[in-house]
C-alpha atoms as a PDB file:
ATOM      1  CA  MET A   1       0.070   0.065  -0.170  1.00  0.00           C
ATOM      2  CA  LEU A   2       2.707   2.358   0.778  1.00  0.00           C
ATOM      3  CA  CYS A   3       4.635   1.637  -2.367  1.00  0.00           C
ATOM      4  CA  THR A   4       1.624   2.320  -4.365  1.00  0.00           C
ATOM      5  CA  LYS A   5       1.268   5.699  -2.740  1.00  0.00           C
ATOM      6  CA  LYS A   6       5.020   6.262  -3.088  1.00  0.00           C
ATOM      7  CA  HIS A   7       4.657   5.361  -6.818  1.00  0.00           C
ATOM      8  CA  ARG A   8       1.719   7.646  -7.297  1.00  0.00           C
ATOM      9  CA  GLY A   9       3.820  10.544  -5.888  1.00  0.00           C
ATOM     10  CA  ILE A  10       6.478   9.827  -8.213  1.00  0.00           C
ATOM     11  CA  ARG A  11       4.260   9.737 -11.155  1.00  0.00           C
ATOM     12  CA  LYS A  12       2.435  12.745  -9.921  1.00  0.00           C
ATOM     13  CA  ARG A  13       5.881  14.917  -9.553  1.00  0.00           C
ATOM     14  CA  GLY A  14       6.902  13.384 -12.833  1.00  0.00           C
ATOM     15  CA  ALA A  15       3.851  14.544 -14.545  1.00  0.00           C
ATOM     16  CA  THR A  16       4.065  17.988 -12.933  1.00  0.00           C
ATOM     17  CA  THR A  17       7.655  18.165 -14.120  1.00  0.00           C
ATOM     18  CA  PHE A  18       6.996  17.209 -17.541  1.00  0.00           C
ATOM     19  CA  ILE A  19       4.182  19.922 -17.787  1.00  0.00           C
ATOM     20  CA  GLN A  20       6.465  22.510 -16.331  1.00  0.00           C
ATOM     21  CA  ARG A  21       9.216  21.728 -19.031  1.00  0.00           C
ATOM     22  CA  LEU A  22       6.521  21.475 -21.722  1.00  0.00           C
ATOM     23  CA  LEU A  23       5.423  25.196 -20.480  1.00  0.00           C
ATOM     24  CA  ASP A  24       9.025  26.335 -20.277  1.00  0.00           C
ATOM     25  CA  ALA A  25       9.518  25.102 -23.810  1.00  0.00           C
ATOM     26  CA  ILE A  26       6.313  26.832 -25.018  1.00  0.00           C
ATOM     27  CA  GLY A  27       7.332  29.863 -23.279  1.00  0.00           C
ATOM     28  CA  ASN A  28      10.890  29.674 -24.534  1.00  0.00           C
ATOM     29  CA  PHE A  29       9.598  29.370 -28.060  1.00  0.00           C
ATOM     30  CA  PHE A  30       7.412  32.355 -27.974  1.00  0.00           C
ATOM     31  CA  ARG A  31      10.190  34.278 -26.272  1.00  0.00           C
ATOM     32  CA  GLU A  32      12.782  33.603 -28.923  1.00  0.00           C
ATOM     33  CA  MET A  33      10.103  34.190 -31.499  1.00  0.00           C
ATOM     34  CA  LEU A  34       9.280  37.897 -30.033  1.00  0.00           C
ATOM     35  CA  VAL A  35      12.849  38.494 -29.899  1.00  0.00           C
ATOM     36  CA  GLN A  36      13.454  37.726 -33.353  1.00  0.00           C
ATOM     37  CA  GLY A  37      10.616  39.789 -34.424  1.00  0.00           C
ATOM     38  CA  ILE A  38      11.986  42.675 -32.566  1.00  0.00           C
ATOM     39  CA  THR A  39      15.127  42.457 -34.177  1.00  0.00           C
ATOM     40  CA  ASN A  40      13.663  41.835 -37.508  1.00  0.00           C
ATOM     41  CA  ASN A  41      11.530  45.189 -37.021  1.00  0.00           C
ATOM     42  CA  LEU A  42      14.276  47.190 -35.912  1.00  0.00           C
ATOM     43  CA  GLN A  43      17.284  45.973 -37.793  1.00  0.00           C
ATOM     44  CA  PRO A  44      15.841  47.048 -41.159  1.00  0.00           C
ATOM     45  CA  ALA A  45      14.411  50.223 -40.002  1.00  0.00           C
ATOM     46  CA  PHE A  46      17.920  51.272 -38.292  1.00  0.00           C
ATOM     47  CA  ASP A  47      19.780  49.946 -41.645  1.00  0.00           C
ATOM     48  CA  ALA A  48      17.538  51.980 -43.834  1.00  0.00           C
ATOM     49  CA  PHE A  49      17.810  54.869 -41.722  1.00  0.00           C
ATOM     50  CA  ALA A  50      21.722  54.753 -41.580  1.00  0.00           C
ATOM     51  CA  ALA A  51      21.616  54.459 -45.317  1.00  0.00           C
ATOM     52  CA  ARG A  52      19.497  57.575 -45.393  1.00  0.00           C
ATOM     53  CA  LEU A  53      21.823  59.741 -43.187  1.00  0.00           C
ATOM     54  CA  ASP A  54      24.851  58.763 -45.761  1.00  0.00           C
ATOM     55  CA  ASN A  55      22.687  59.910 -48.654  1.00  0.00           C
ATOM     56  CA  SER A  56      21.104  62.898 -47.062  1.00  0.00           C
ATOM     57  CA  THR A  57      24.544  64.274 -45.829  1.00  0.00           C
ATOM     58  CA  ALA A  58      25.980  63.886 -49.379  1.00  0.00           C
ATOM     59  CA  LEU A  59      23.071  65.587 -50.999  1.00  0.00           C
ATOM     60  CA  LEU A  60      22.986  68.528 -48.410  1.00  0.00           C
ATOM     61  CA  GLN A  61      26.941  69.047 -49.352  1.00  0.00           C
ATOM     62  CA  GLN A  62      25.731  69.877 -52.887  1.00  0.00           C
ATOM     63  CA  THR A  63      25.556  73.180 -54.495  1.00  0.00           C
ATOM     64  CA  PRO A  64      22.860  74.029 -56.710  1.00  0.00           C
ATOM     65  CA  GLN A  65      25.298  73.775 -59.648  1.00  0.00           C
ATOM     66  CA  THR A  66      26.671  70.207 -58.717  1.00  0.00           C
ATOM     67  CA  TYR A  67      23.584  68.804 -57.566  1.00  0.00           C
ATOM     68  CA  ASN A  68      21.858  68.652 -61.032  1.00  0.00           C
ATOM     69  CA  ALA A  69      23.623  70.188 -64.082  1.00  0.00           C
ATOM     70  CA  GLY A  70      20.684  70.019 -66.195  1.00  0.00           C
ATOM     71  CA  MET A  71      18.284  71.876 -63.751  1.00  0.00           C
ATOM     72  CA  PHE A  72      20.993  74.471 -63.177  1.00  0.00           C
ATOM     73  CA  ASN A  73      21.414  75.227 -66.880  1.00  0.00           C
ATOM     74  CA  MET A  74      17.678  75.772 -67.183  1.00  0.00           C
ATOM     75  CA  VAL A  75      17.885  78.078 -64.189  1.00  0.00           C
ATOM     76  CA  MET A  76      20.753  80.088 -65.768  1.00  0.00           C
ATOM     77  CA  GLY A  77      18.932  80.330 -69.052  1.00  0.00           C
ATOM     78  CA  LEU A  78      15.673  81.405 -67.389  1.00  0.00           C
ATOM     79  CA  ALA A  79      17.558  84.108 -65.405  1.00  0.00           C
ATOM     80  CA  GLN A  80      19.833  85.048 -68.240  1.00  0.00           C
ATOM     81  CA  ASN A  81      17.020  85.269 -71.068  1.00  0.00           C
ATOM     82  CA  VAL A  82      13.850  85.948 -69.167  1.00  0.00           C
ATOM     83  CA  MET A  83      14.487  87.820 -65.954  1.00  0.00           C
ATOM     84  CA  MET A  84      17.787  89.611 -67.017  1.00  0.00           C
ATOM     85  CA  PRO A  85      16.004  91.915 -69.563  1.00  0.00           C
ATOM     86  CA  ILE A  86      13.217  92.861 -67.039  1.00  0.00           C
ATOM     87  CA  ALA A  87      15.982  93.620 -64.460  1.00  0.00           C
ATOM     88  CA  VAL A  88      17.504  95.957 -67.018  1.00  0.00           C
ATOM     89  CA  VAL A  89      14.524  97.682 -67.508  1.00  0.00           C
ATOM     90  CA  ILE A  90      13.812  98.008 -63.767  1.00  0.00           C
ATOM     91  CA  LEU A  91      17.502  98.937 -63.184  1.00  0.00           C
ATOM     92  CA  THR A  92      17.156 101.533 -66.034  1.00  0.00           C
ATOM     93  CA  ALA A  93      13.977 103.025 -64.430  1.00  0.00           C
ATOM     94  CA  ILE A  94      15.630 103.102 -60.644  1.00  0.00           C
ATOM     95  CA  LEU A  95      18.934 104.759 -62.000  1.00  0.00           C
ATOM     96  CA  THR A  96      17.032 107.343 -63.959  1.00  0.00           C
ATOM     97  CA  TYR A  97      14.615 107.937 -60.860  1.00  0.00           C
ATOM     98  CA  ASP A  98      17.844 108.148 -58.578  1.00  0.00           C
ATOM     99  CA  LEU A  99      19.554 110.760 -60.955  1.00  0.00           C
ATOM    100  CA  ILE A 100      16.453 112.884 -61.243  1.00  0.00           C
ATOM    101  CA  TYR A 101      16.169 112.666 -57.587  1.00  0.00           C
ATOM    102  CA  THR A 102      19.744 113.425 -56.604  1.00  0.00           C
ATOM    103  CA  LEU A 103      19.950 116.466 -58.690  1.00  0.00           C
ATOM    104  CA  GLU A 104      16.591 117.904 -57.610  1.00  0.00           C
ATOM    105  CA  ASN A 105      17.205 117.296 -53.972  1.00  0.00           C
ATOM    106  CA  LYS A 106      20.735 118.726 -53.882  1.00  0.00           C
ATOM    107  CA  ASN A 107      20.500 121.820 -55.844  1.00  0.00           C
ATOM    108  CA  SER A 108      16.951 122.096 -57.334  1.00  0.00           C
ATOM    109  CA  MET A 109      18.515 121.698 -60.841  1.00  0.00           C
ATOM    110  CA  ASP A 110      19.807 125.026 -60.591  1.00  0.00           C
ATOM    111  CA  GLU A 111      23.412 124.257 -60.562  1.00  0.00           C
ATOM    112  CA  PHE A 112      25.529 121.514 -62.088  1.00  0.00           C
ATOM    113  CA  ASP A 113      27.341 119.608 -59.523  1.00  0.00           C
ATOM    114  CA  PHE A 114      29.835 117.041 -61.125  1.00  0.00           C
ATOM    115  CA  TYR A 115      30.236 115.267 -57.556  1.00  0.00           C
ATOM    116  CA  HIS A 116      26.827 114.130 -57.624  1.00  0.00           C
ATOM    117  CA  ILE A 117      27.219 112.876 -61.275  1.00  0.00           C
ATOM    118  CA  GLN A 118      30.295 111.047 -60.244  1.00  0.00           C
ATOM    119  CA  LEU A 119      28.505 109.445 -57.311  1.00  0.00           C
ATOM    120  CA  TRP A 120      25.690 108.218 -59.501  1.00  0.00           C
ATOM    121  CA  LEU A 121      28.252 106.889 -62.006  1.00  0.00           C
ATOM    122  CA  VAL A 122      29.710 104.867 -59.164  1.00  0.00           C
ATOM    123  CA  LYS A 123      26.140 103.532 -58.428  1.00  0.00           C
ATOM    124  CA  VAL A 124      25.573 102.584 -61.829  1.00  0.00           C
ATOM    125  CA  VAL A 125      28.787 100.533 -61.938  1.00  0.00           C
ATOM    126  CA  VAL A 126      28.035  98.891 -58.722  1.00  0.00           C
ATOM    127  CA  ALA A 127      24.470  98.076 -59.955  1.00  0.00           C
ATOM    128  CA  LEU A 128      25.840  96.385 -62.949  1.00  0.00           C
ATOM    129  CA  LEU A 129      28.115  94.460 -61.056  1.00  0.00           C
ATOM    130  CA  PHE A 130      25.370  93.078 -59.084  1.00  0.00           C
ATOM    131  CA  LEU A 131      23.253  92.541 -62.145  1.00  0.00           C
ATOM    132  CA  GLY A 132      25.742  90.934 -64.271  1.00  0.00           C
ATOM    133  CA  ASN A 133      26.946  88.647 -61.559  1.00  0.00           C
ATOM    134  CA  SER A 134      23.767  87.787 -59.798  1.00  0.00           C
ATOM    135  CA  ILE A 135      23.821  84.237 -60.298  1.00  0.00           C
ATOM    136  CA  GLN A 136      27.590  84.045 -59.248  1.00  0.00           C
ATOM    137  CA  ILE A 137      26.773  85.991 -56.136  1.00  0.00           C
ATOM    138  CA  ILE A 138      23.933  83.543 -55.417  1.00  0.00           C
ATOM    139  CA  ASN A 139      26.434  80.489 -55.960  1.00  0.00           C
ATOM    140  CA  VAL A 140      28.974  82.291 -53.545  1.00  0.00           C
ATOM    141  CA  ILE A 141      26.235  82.259 -50.874  1.00  0.00           C
ATOM    142  CA  PHE A 142      25.488  78.644 -51.166  1.00  0.00           C
ATOM    143  CA  THR A 143      29.321  77.720 -51.085  1.00  0.00           C
ATOM    144  CA  LEU A 144      29.196  79.282 -47.743  1.00  0.00           C
ATOM    145  CA  GLY A 145      26.193  77.088 -46.677  1.00  0.00           C
ATOM    146  CA  VAL A 146      27.964  74.119 -47.952  1.00  0.00           C
ATOM    147  CA  VAL A 147      30.840  74.731 -45.958  1.00  0.00           C
ATOM    148  CA  ALA A 148      28.654  74.789 -42.680  1.00  0.00           C
ATOM    149  CA  VAL A 149      27.095  71.839 -43.909  1.00  0.00           C
ATOM    150  CA  THR A 150      30.126  69.571 -44.420  1.00  0.00           C
ATOM    151  CA  GLY A 151      31.467  70.727 -40.991  1.00  0.00           C
ATOM    152  CA  ALA A 152      28.243  69.312 -39.509  1.00  0.00           C
ATOM    153  CA  ALA A 153      28.252  66.306 -41.673  1.00  0.00           C
ATOM    154  CA  GLU A 154      31.669  65.349 -40.391  1.00  0.00           C
ATOM    155  CA  LEU A 155      30.577  65.744 -36.821  1.00  0.00           C
ATOM    156  CA  LEU A 156      27.531  63.288 -37.647  1.00  0.00           C
ATOM    157  CA  ASN A 157      29.870  60.840 -39.202  1.00  0.00           C
ATOM    158  CA  ALA A 158      32.114  60.699 -36.340  1.00  0.00           C
ATOM    159  CA  GLU A 159      29.188  60.212 -33.991  1.00  0.00           C
ATOM    160  CA  ILE A 160      28.015  57.216 -36.326  1.00  0.00           C
ATOM    161  CA  ALA A 161      31.421  55.811 -36.377  1.00  0.00           C
ATOM    162  CA  ALA A 162      31.886  55.979 -32.494  1.00  0.00           C
ATOM    163  CA  ASN A 163      28.223  54.922 -31.934  1.00  0.00           C
ATOM    164  CA  PRO A 164      27.019  52.677 -34.631  1.00  0.00           C
ATOM    165  CA  ILE A 165      23.525  52.302 -34.578  1.00  0.00           C
ATOM    166  CA  ASP A 166      23.846  48.223 -34.943  1.00  0.00           C
ATOM    167  CA  ASP A 167      24.779  48.333 -31.134  1.00  0.00           C
ATOM    168  CA  VAL A 168      21.185  49.413 -30.469  1.00  0.00           C
ATOM    169  CA  ILE A 169      20.151  46.256 -31.841  1.00  0.00           C
ATOM    170  CA  TYR A 170      22.423  43.950 -30.023  1.00  0.00           C
ATOM    171  CA  TYR A 171      21.532  45.949 -26.607  1.00  0.00           C
ATOM    172  CA  ILE A 172      17.970  45.144 -27.268  1.00  0.00           C
ATOM    173  CA  THR A 173      18.488  41.739 -28.317  1.00  0.00           C
ATOM    174  CA  TYR A 174      20.645  40.747 -25.553  1.00  0.00           C
ATOM    175  CA  HIS A 175      18.827  42.424 -22.604  1.00  0.00           C
ATOM    176  CA  THR A 176      15.312  41.046 -23.648  1.00  0.00           C
ATOM    177  CA  THR A 177      16.299  37.399 -24.200  1.00  0.00           C
ATOM    178  CA  ASN A 178      15.197  36.282 -20.605  1.00  0.00           C
ATOM    179  CA  GLU A 179      12.274  39.007 -20.052  1.00  0.00           C
ATOM    180  CA  ASP A 180       8.804  37.684 -19.508  1.00  0.00           C
ATOM    181  CA  LEU A 181       6.309  37.417 -22.243  1.00  0.00           C
ATOM    182  CA  GLY A 182       4.356  40.276 -21.480  1.00  0.00           C
ATOM    183  CA  ALA A 183       7.120  42.860 -21.889  1.00  0.00           C
ATOM    184  CA  LEU A 184       8.346  41.235 -24.985  1.00  0.00           C
ATOM    185  CA  ALA A 185       4.902  41.363 -26.622  1.00  0.00           C
ATOM    186  CA  GLY A 186       4.763  45.029 -25.715  1.00  0.00           C
ATOM    187  CA  LEU A 187       8.265  45.618 -26.790  1.00  0.00           C
ATOM    188  CA  PHE A 188       7.513  43.753 -30.360  1.00  0.00           C
ATOM    189  CA  LEU A 189       4.438  45.913 -30.823  1.00  0.00           C
ATOM    190  CA  MET A 190       6.557  49.134 -30.310  1.00  0.00           C
ATOM    191  CA  SER A 191       9.063  47.991 -32.480  1.00  0.00           C
ATOM    192  CA  TRP A 192       6.789  47.493 -35.238  1.00  0.00           C
ATOM    193  CA  LEU A 193       5.447  51.233 -34.667  1.00  0.00           C
ATOM    194  CA  VAL A 194       9.118  52.285 -34.490  1.00  0.00           C
ATOM    195  CA  ARG A 195       9.609  50.753 -37.848  1.00  0.00           C
ATOM    196  CA  LEU A 196       6.951  52.364 -39.488  1.00  0.00           C
ATOM    197  CA  ILE A 197       7.487  55.718 -38.077  1.00  0.00           C
ATOM    198  CA  MET A 198      11.240  55.723 -38.953  1.00  0.00           C
ATOM    199  CA  LEU A 199      10.025  54.963 -42.445  1.00  0.00           C
ATOM    200  CA  VAL A 200       8.091  58.043 -42.415  1.00  0.00           C
ATOM    201  CA  VAL A 201      10.839  59.875 -41.103  1.00  0.00           C
ATOM    202  CA  GLU A 202      13.199  58.852 -43.940  1.00  0.00           C
ATOM    203  CA  LEU A 203      10.534  59.736 -46.442  1.00  0.00           C
ATOM    204  CA  VAL A 204      10.147  63.319 -44.878  1.00  0.00           C
ATOM    205  CA  ILE A 205      14.126  63.769 -44.766  1.00  0.00           C
ATOM    206  CA  HIS A 206      14.143  62.947 -48.254  1.00  0.00           C
ATOM    207  CA  TRP A 207      11.345  65.031 -49.315  1.00  0.00           C
ATOM    208  CA  ALA A 208      12.456  68.117 -47.350  1.00  0.00           C
ATOM    209  CA  ILE A 209      16.041  67.871 -49.047  1.00  0.00           C
ATOM    210  CA  LEU A 210      14.588  67.474 -52.669  1.00  0.00           C
ATOM    211  CA  SER A 211      12.015  70.043 -52.095  1.00  0.00           C
ATOM    212  CA  ARG A 212      14.586  72.575 -50.868  1.00  0.00           C
ATOM    213  CA  PHE A 213      16.810  72.202 -53.926  1.00  0.00           C
ATOM    214  CA  PHE A 214      13.651  73.095 -55.977  1.00  0.00           C
ATOM    215  CA  ILE A 215      12.915  75.863 -54.005  1.00  0.00           C
ATOM    216  CA  ILE A 216      16.597  77.130 -54.430  1.00  0.00           C
ATOM    217  CA  TYR A 217      16.275  76.604 -58.379  1.00  0.00           C
ATOM    218  CA  ILE A 218      13.165  78.784 -58.306  1.00  0.00           C
ATOM    219  CA  LYS A 219      14.375  81.575 -56.119  1.00  0.00           C
ATOM    220  CA  MET A 220      17.589  81.618 -58.382  1.00  0.00           C
ATOM    221  CA  THR A 221      15.620  82.301 -61.534  1.00  0.00           C
ATOM    222  CA  ALA A 222      14.518  85.407 -60.082  1.00  0.00           C
ATOM    223  CA  ALA A 223      17.878  86.662 -58.998  1.00  0.00           C
ATOM    224  CA  PRO A 224      18.477  89.411 -61.635  1.00  0.00           C
ATOM    225  CA  ILE A 225      15.383  91.492 -60.391  1.00  0.00           C
ATOM    226  CA  PRO A 226      15.892  91.621 -56.693  1.00  0.00           C
ATOM    227  CA  LEU A 227      19.872  92.681 -57.076  1.00  0.00           C
ATOM    228  CA  ALA A 228      18.834  95.326 -59.526  1.00  0.00           C
ATOM    229  CA  THR A 229      17.247  97.159 -56.633  1.00  0.00           C
ATOM    230  CA  MET A 230      20.398  97.063 -54.429  1.00  0.00           C
ATOM    231  CA  ILE A 231      21.830 100.632 -55.165  1.00  0.00           C
ATOM    232  CA  ASN A 232      18.343 102.442 -54.561  1.00  0.00           C
ATOM    233  CA  HIS A 233      17.555 103.638 -51.121  1.00  0.00           C
ATOM    234  CA  GLU A 234      13.850 103.322 -51.446  1.00  0.00           C
ATOM    235  CA  TRP A 235      13.903  99.653 -53.339  1.00  0.00           C
ATOM    236  CA  ARG A 236      16.911  98.009 -51.738  1.00  0.00           C
ATOM    237  CA  HIS A 237      14.972  96.343 -49.133  1.00  0.00           C
ATOM    238  CA  VAL A 238      13.918  93.908 -51.909  1.00  0.00           C
ATOM    239  CA  GLY A 239      17.236  93.039 -52.705  1.00  0.00           C
ATOM    240  CA  ASN A 240      18.362  92.777 -49.137  1.00  0.00           C
ATOM    241  CA  ASN A 241      15.572  90.561 -48.097  1.00  0.00           C
ATOM    242  CA  TYR A 242      16.254  88.244 -51.470  1.00  0.00           C
ATOM    243  CA  LEU A 243      19.771  87.829 -50.142  1.00  0.00           C
ATOM    244  CA  LYS A 244      18.674  87.305 -46.616  1.00  0.00           C
ATOM    245  CA  THR A 245      16.146  84.564 -47.938  1.00  0.00           C
ATOM    246  CA  ILE A 246      18.928  82.943 -50.098  1.00  0.00           C
ATOM    247  CA  MET A 247      21.307  82.799 -47.010  1.00  0.00           C
ATOM    248  CA  ALA A 248      18.481  81.411 -45.074  1.00  0.00           C
ATOM    249  CA  VAL A 249      17.960  78.651 -47.638  1.00  0.00           C
ATOM    250  CA  SER A 250      21.470  77.966 -48.069  1.00  0.00           C
ATOM    251  CA  PHE A 251      21.965  77.524 -44.219  1.00  0.00           C
ATOM    252  CA  GLN A 252      18.930  75.354 -43.979  1.00  0.00           C
ATOM    253  CA  GLY A 253      20.888  72.448 -45.057  1.00  0.00           C
ATOM    254  CA  PHE A 254      22.864  73.056 -41.899  1.00  0.00           C
ATOM    255  CA  PHE A 255      20.042  73.132 -39.557  1.00  0.00           C
ATOM    256  CA  MET A 256      18.745  69.933 -41.486  1.00  0.00           C
ATOM    257  CA  ILE A 257      21.942  68.264 -40.544  1.00  0.00           C
ATOM    258  CA  ALA A 258      21.520  69.556 -36.970  1.00  0.00           C
ATOM    259  CA  ILE A 259      18.331  67.850 -36.633  1.00  0.00           C
ATOM    260  CA  ILE A 260      19.073  64.757 -38.062  1.00  0.00           C
ATOM    261  CA  ALA A 261      22.386  64.582 -35.816  1.00  0.00           C
ATOM    262  CA  LEU A 262      20.269  65.394 -32.804  1.00  0.00           C
ATOM    263  CA  TYR A 263      17.704  62.631 -33.680  1.00  0.00           C
ATOM    264  CA  TYR A 264      20.533  60.126 -34.078  1.00  0.00           C
ATOM    265  CA  VAL A 265      21.963  60.659 -30.676  1.00  0.00           C
ATOM    266  CA  ALA A 266      18.473  60.714 -29.172  1.00  0.00           C
ATOM    267  CA  LEU A 267      17.950  57.457 -30.464  1.00  0.00           C
ATOM    268  CA  LEU A 268      21.150  55.967 -29.194  1.00  0.00           C
ATOM    269  CA  THR A 269      20.080  57.210 -25.744  1.00  0.00           C
ATOM    270  CA  ALA A 270      16.500  56.243 -25.648  1.00  0.00           C
ATOM    271  CA  THR A 271      17.264  52.773 -26.796  1.00  0.00           C
ATOM    272  CA  ASN A 272      19.978  51.810 -24.528  1.00  0.00           C
ATOM    273  CA  ILE A 273      18.363  49.524 -22.055  1.00  0.00           C
ATOM    274  CA  GLU A 274      20.883  47.761 -20.348  1.00  0.00           C
ATOM    275  CA  GLY A 275      19.162  47.581 -17.043  1.00  0.00           C
ATOM    276  CA  GLY A 276      16.512  45.254 -18.811  1.00  0.00           C
ATOM    277  CA  ILE A 277      12.930  46.027 -19.596  1.00  0.00           C
ATOM    278  CA  ASP A 278       9.579  45.590 -18.015  1.00  0.00           C
ATOM    279  CA  MET A 279       6.058  47.085 -19.002  1.00  0.00           C
ATOM    280  CA  SER A 280       7.004  50.277 -16.947  1.00  0.00           C
ATOM    281  CA  ASN A 281      10.080  51.354 -19.033  1.00  0.00           C
ATOM    282  CA  ILE A 282       9.222  49.844 -22.458  1.00  0.00           C
ATOM    283  CA  TRP A 283       8.130  53.560 -23.236  1.00  0.00           C
ATOM    284  CA  ASN A 284      11.629  54.720 -22.530  1.00  0.00           C
ATOM    285  CA  ALA A 285      13.015  51.837 -24.718  1.00  0.00           C
ATOM    286  CA  LEU A 286      10.965  52.535 -27.936  1.00  0.00           C
ATOM    287  CA  GLY A 287       8.286  54.845 -26.934  1.00  0.00           C
ATOM    288  CA  LEU A 288      10.620  57.813 -26.644  1.00  0.00           C
ATOM    289  CA  PRO A 289      12.260  57.367 -30.321  1.00  0.00           C
ATOM    290  CA  ILE A 290       8.398  57.137 -31.650  1.00  0.00           C
ATOM    291  CA  LEU A 291       8.054  60.806 -29.800  1.00  0.00           C
ATOM    292  CA  TYR A 292      11.383  61.809 -31.028  1.00  0.00           C
ATOM    293  CA  SER A 293      10.211  60.829 -34.677  1.00  0.00           C
ATOM    294  CA  ILE A 294       7.433  62.983 -34.529  1.00  0.00           C
ATOM    295  CA  ILE A 295       9.284  66.054 -33.352  1.00  0.00           C
ATOM    296  CA  VAL A 296      11.804  65.601 -35.929  1.00  0.00           C
ATOM    297  CA  VAL A 297       9.337  65.256 -38.805  1.00  0.00           C
ATOM    298  CA  THR A 298       7.752  68.527 -37.441  1.00  0.00           C
ATOM    299  CA  LEU A 299      11.022  70.257 -37.170  1.00  0.00           C
ATOM    300  CA  LEU A 300      12.207  69.278 -40.810  1.00  0.00           C
ATOM    301  CA  LEU A 301       9.136  70.533 -42.205  1.00  0.00           C
ATOM    302  CA  LYS A 302       9.754  73.982 -40.370  1.00  0.00           C
ATOM    303  CA  THR A 303      13.647  74.264 -41.067  1.00  0.00           C
ATOM    304  CA  GLU A 304      13.188  77.094 -43.665  1.00  0.00           C
ATOM    305  CA  SER A 305      10.941  79.195 -41.552  1.00  0.00           C
ATOM    306  CA  ILE A 306      13.495  78.620 -38.908  1.00  0.00           C
ATOM    307  CA  SER A 307      16.144  79.689 -40.967  1.00  0.00           C
ATOM    308  CA  LYS A 308      14.479  82.749 -42.003  1.00  0.00           C
ATOM    309  CA  SER A 309      13.636  83.891 -38.503  1.00  0.00           C
ATOM    310  CA  ILE A 310      17.475  83.478 -37.740  1.00  0.00           C
ATOM    311  CA  PHE A 311      18.588  85.477 -40.786  1.00  0.00           C
ATOM    312  CA  GLY A 312      15.689  87.860 -40.564  1.00  0.00           C
ATOM    313  CA  ALA A 313      14.344  87.205 -44.040  1.00  0.00           C
ATOM    314  CA  MET A 314      10.493  87.667 -44.551  1.00  0.00           C
END
């Protein structure tokens, strides 16, 4: 009788052990599947983002002339053949008005003062220099912007080399292997959302850069007209504001690089989860990158207005 009870206890413990092992095996299977799913969501997203960073920095270091020679030649044709004749008419009217105003204001046309004629001739020479070199002036301004972008890009590339984004995948995979299924399931859903939002960020970055070049080309076609107003006191605000706008668009690339660099560092910081995860800090692991992504998209769409406000352009 005692032997029977003893055998039953052994069988019961054996059955319990078997069920526990089965449950553990099932749990490990789903755990490995979720960890692999998290990796499969984040690895392509981060790889694509790293590739987009390289492409974006390369594009932003281009001047209007080097970005697309065909489009630049079209801009030159429109500026020289369409806008230049109009600018010449405007400049002629401004110079004529300026000469009449100068003579009338100084001596009421009663006396002839050669000094004022000399001053007016200097204005004519300066105006012709502005008008004849309008596209070259714009190119010089964009060259300054490229210098700033190149410096920012070098810092960003150094940060990427020192802290590659692949380390994020390693940290997430390594420190989530033994977490409970609830935390892993939440992290899996967040990783899927991160992948989707980072795709949106990539598209916005690409769209912002390409649209910036189109805006640059459009503004360059009109360069002769505002620069024709630079020598007149009453009209020079048109040319000044145009140059400020060109300066703002030129340095817009720098602000784009700055935003992208801050976003990259924020991703590295937010996804560093060496202490492990639970349901309370999944937000810090992948929720913050989602929030950062939304902020970056908003800022990238506002880089032109940000740059204009800094340079005082209307």
